[in-house]
Amino acid sequence: MTPSTHIEAGQEVAAPRQQITQEAAELQRAVSGGEVDAFVVGQSEDRKRVLMLSDAHLRYQLLAMYQEKQQTLQDVLETKR
């Protein structure tokens, strides 16, 4: 391997390494910031499953409850017209 080939090979490795490092930092920021509710895990399509993070389901329950209440309120308002 010549010195110029060695430099080119090093540059080829550095770019993906930098991208992986950046993506890992973004993932850590998202998880730490509460932006991630769940992960899809599994080594094959037929073995994939969703792992929800602690308390993530509460947000969806609150949203569903809010939507129910909103619909009920709309129904009441429409019957009074």
C-alpha atoms as a PDB file:
ATOM      1  CA  MET A   1       0.000   0.000   0.000  1.00  0.00           C
ATOM      2  CA  THR A   2       1.476   3.340  -1.027  1.00  0.00           C
ATOM      3  CA  PRO A   3       1.255   6.380   1.252  1.00  0.00           C
ATOM      4  CA  SER A   4      -1.396   8.009  -0.971  1.00  0.00           C
ATOM      5  CA  THR A   5      -3.469   4.818  -0.988  1.00  0.00           C
ATOM      6  CA  HIS A   6      -3.192   4.673   2.799  1.00  0.00           C
ATOM      7  CA  ILE A   7      -4.476   8.255   3.091  1.00  0.00           C
ATOM      8  CA  GLU A   8      -7.375   7.547   0.718  1.00  0.00           C
ATOM      9  CA  ALA A   9      -8.330   4.435   2.694  1.00  0.00           C
ATOM     10  CA  GLY A  10      -8.216   6.456   5.912  1.00  0.00           C
ATOM     11  CA  GLN A  11     -10.476   9.102   4.410  1.00  0.00           C
ATOM     12  CA  GLU A  12     -12.930   6.426   3.224  1.00  0.00           C
ATOM     13  CA  VAL A  13     -13.193   5.107   6.786  1.00  0.00           C
ATOM     14  CA  ALA A  14     -13.324   8.547   8.422  1.00  0.00           C
ATOM     15  CA  ALA A  15     -16.473   9.714   6.596  1.00  0.00           C
ATOM     16  CA  PRO A  16     -18.718   6.779   7.654  1.00  0.00           C
ATOM     17  CA  ARG A  17     -17.249   6.887  11.172  1.00  0.00           C
ATOM     18  CA  GLN A  18     -18.103  10.587  11.441  1.00  0.00           C
ATOM     19  CA  GLN A  19     -21.645   9.943  10.176  1.00  0.00           C
ATOM     20  CA  ILE A  20     -22.174   7.105  12.675  1.00  0.00           C
ATOM     21  CA  THR A  21     -20.860   9.290  15.497  1.00  0.00           C
ATOM     22  CA  GLN A  22     -23.213  12.111  14.481  1.00  0.00           C
ATOM     23  CA  GLU A  23     -26.219   9.765  14.231  1.00  0.00           C
ATOM     24  CA  ALA A  24     -25.431   8.259  17.638  1.00  0.00           C
ATOM     25  CA  ALA A  25     -25.278  11.752  19.168  1.00  0.00           C
ATOM     26  CA  GLU A  26     -28.633  12.659  17.560  1.00  0.00           C
ATOM     27  CA  LEU A  27     -30.201   9.456  18.876  1.00  0.00           C
ATOM     28  CA  GLN A  28     -28.868  10.099  22.379  1.00  0.00           C
ATOM     29  CA  ARG A  29     -30.224  13.669  22.277  1.00  0.00           C
ATOM     30  CA  ALA A  30     -33.653  12.472  21.107  1.00  0.00           C
ATOM     31  CA  VAL A  31     -33.905   9.758  23.758  1.00  0.00           C
ATOM     32  CA  SER A  32     -32.644  12.062  26.516  1.00  0.00           C
ATOM     33  CA  GLY A  33     -35.034  14.800  25.385  1.00  0.00           C
ATOM     34  CA  GLY A  34     -38.073  12.549  25.571  1.00  0.00           C
ATOM     35  CA  GLU A  35     -38.640  12.553  21.808  1.00  0.00           C
ATOM     36  CA  VAL A  36     -38.527   8.750  21.517  1.00  0.00           C
ATOM     37  CA  ASP A  37     -41.470   6.657  22.707  1.00  0.00           C
ATOM     38  CA  ALA A  38     -40.429   3.219  21.490  1.00  0.00           C
ATOM     39  CA  PHE A  39     -37.925   1.137  19.562  1.00  0.00           C
ATOM     40  CA  VAL A  40     -38.595  -1.561  16.979  1.00  0.00           C
ATOM     41  CA  VAL A  41     -36.303  -4.507  17.682  1.00  0.00           C
ATOM     42  CA  GLY A  42     -35.785  -7.938  16.164  1.00  0.00           C
ATOM     43  CA  GLN A  43     -33.295  -9.658  13.941  1.00  0.00           C
ATOM     44  CA  SER A  44     -35.797 -10.604  11.232  1.00  0.00           C
ATOM     45  CA  GLU A  45     -39.149  -9.314   9.973  1.00  0.00           C
ATOM     46  CA  ASP A  46     -41.130 -12.100  11.635  1.00  0.00           C
ATOM     47  CA  ARG A  47     -39.418 -11.509  15.001  1.00  0.00           C
ATOM     48  CA  LYS A  48     -39.775  -7.719  15.153  1.00  0.00           C
ATOM     49  CA  ARG A  49     -41.569  -6.209  18.118  1.00  0.00           C
ATOM     50  CA  VAL A  50     -42.074  -2.792  19.647  1.00  0.00           C
ATOM     51  CA  LEU A  51     -40.477  -1.949  22.976  1.00  0.00           C
ATOM     52  CA  MET A  52     -42.122   1.075  24.545  1.00  0.00           C
ATOM     53  CA  LEU A  53     -40.148   3.240  26.904  1.00  0.00           C
ATOM     54  CA  SER A  54     -41.386   3.756  30.418  1.00  0.00           C
ATOM     55  CA  ASP A  55     -44.551   5.880  30.623  1.00  0.00           C
ATOM     56  CA  ALA A  56     -44.702   6.427  26.834  1.00  0.00           C
ATOM     57  CA  HIS A  57     -48.125   4.766  26.733  1.00  0.00           C
ATOM     58  CA  LEU A  58     -49.503   7.429  29.090  1.00  0.00           C
ATOM     59  CA  ARG A  59     -49.144  10.118  26.421  1.00  0.00           C
ATOM     60  CA  TYR A  60     -51.237   8.101  24.003  1.00  0.00           C
ATOM     61  CA  GLN A  61     -53.860   7.363  26.643  1.00  0.00           C
ATOM     62  CA  LEU A  62     -54.117  11.059  27.470  1.00  0.00           C
ATOM     63  CA  LEU A  63     -54.411  11.951  23.797  1.00  0.00           C
ATOM     64  CA  ALA A  64     -57.162   9.360  23.265  1.00  0.00           C
ATOM     65  CA  MET A  65     -59.018  10.614  26.330  1.00  0.00           C
ATOM     66  CA  TYR A  66     -58.717  14.222  25.118  1.00  0.00           C
ATOM     67  CA  GLN A  67     -60.056  13.279  21.688  1.00  0.00           C
ATOM     68  CA  GLU A  68     -63.002  11.465  23.300  1.00  0.00           C
ATOM     69  CA  LYS A  69     -63.856  14.498  25.432  1.00  0.00           C
ATOM     70  CA  GLN A  70     -63.559  16.784  22.425  1.00  0.00           C
ATOM     71  CA  GLN A  71     -65.953  14.607  20.417  1.00  0.00           C
ATOM     72  CA  THR A  72     -68.431  14.529  23.306  1.00  0.00           C
ATOM     73  CA  LEU A  73     -68.290  18.312  23.577  1.00  0.00           C
ATOM     74  CA  GLN A  74     -68.859  18.691  19.844  1.00  0.00           C
ATOM     75  CA  ASP A  75     -71.842  16.317  20.023  1.00  0.00           C
ATOM     76  CA  VAL A  76     -73.379  18.325  22.895  1.00  0.00           C
ATOM     77  CA  LEU A  77     -72.879  21.611  21.062  1.00  0.00           C
ATOM     78  CA  GLU A  78     -74.448  20.233  17.886  1.00  0.00           C
ATOM     79  CA  THR A  79     -77.551  18.985  19.723  1.00  0.00           C
ATOM     80  CA  LYS A  80     -78.092  22.455  21.228  1.00  0.00           C
ATOM     81  CA  ARG A  81     -78.200  24.129  17.806  1.00  0.00           C
END
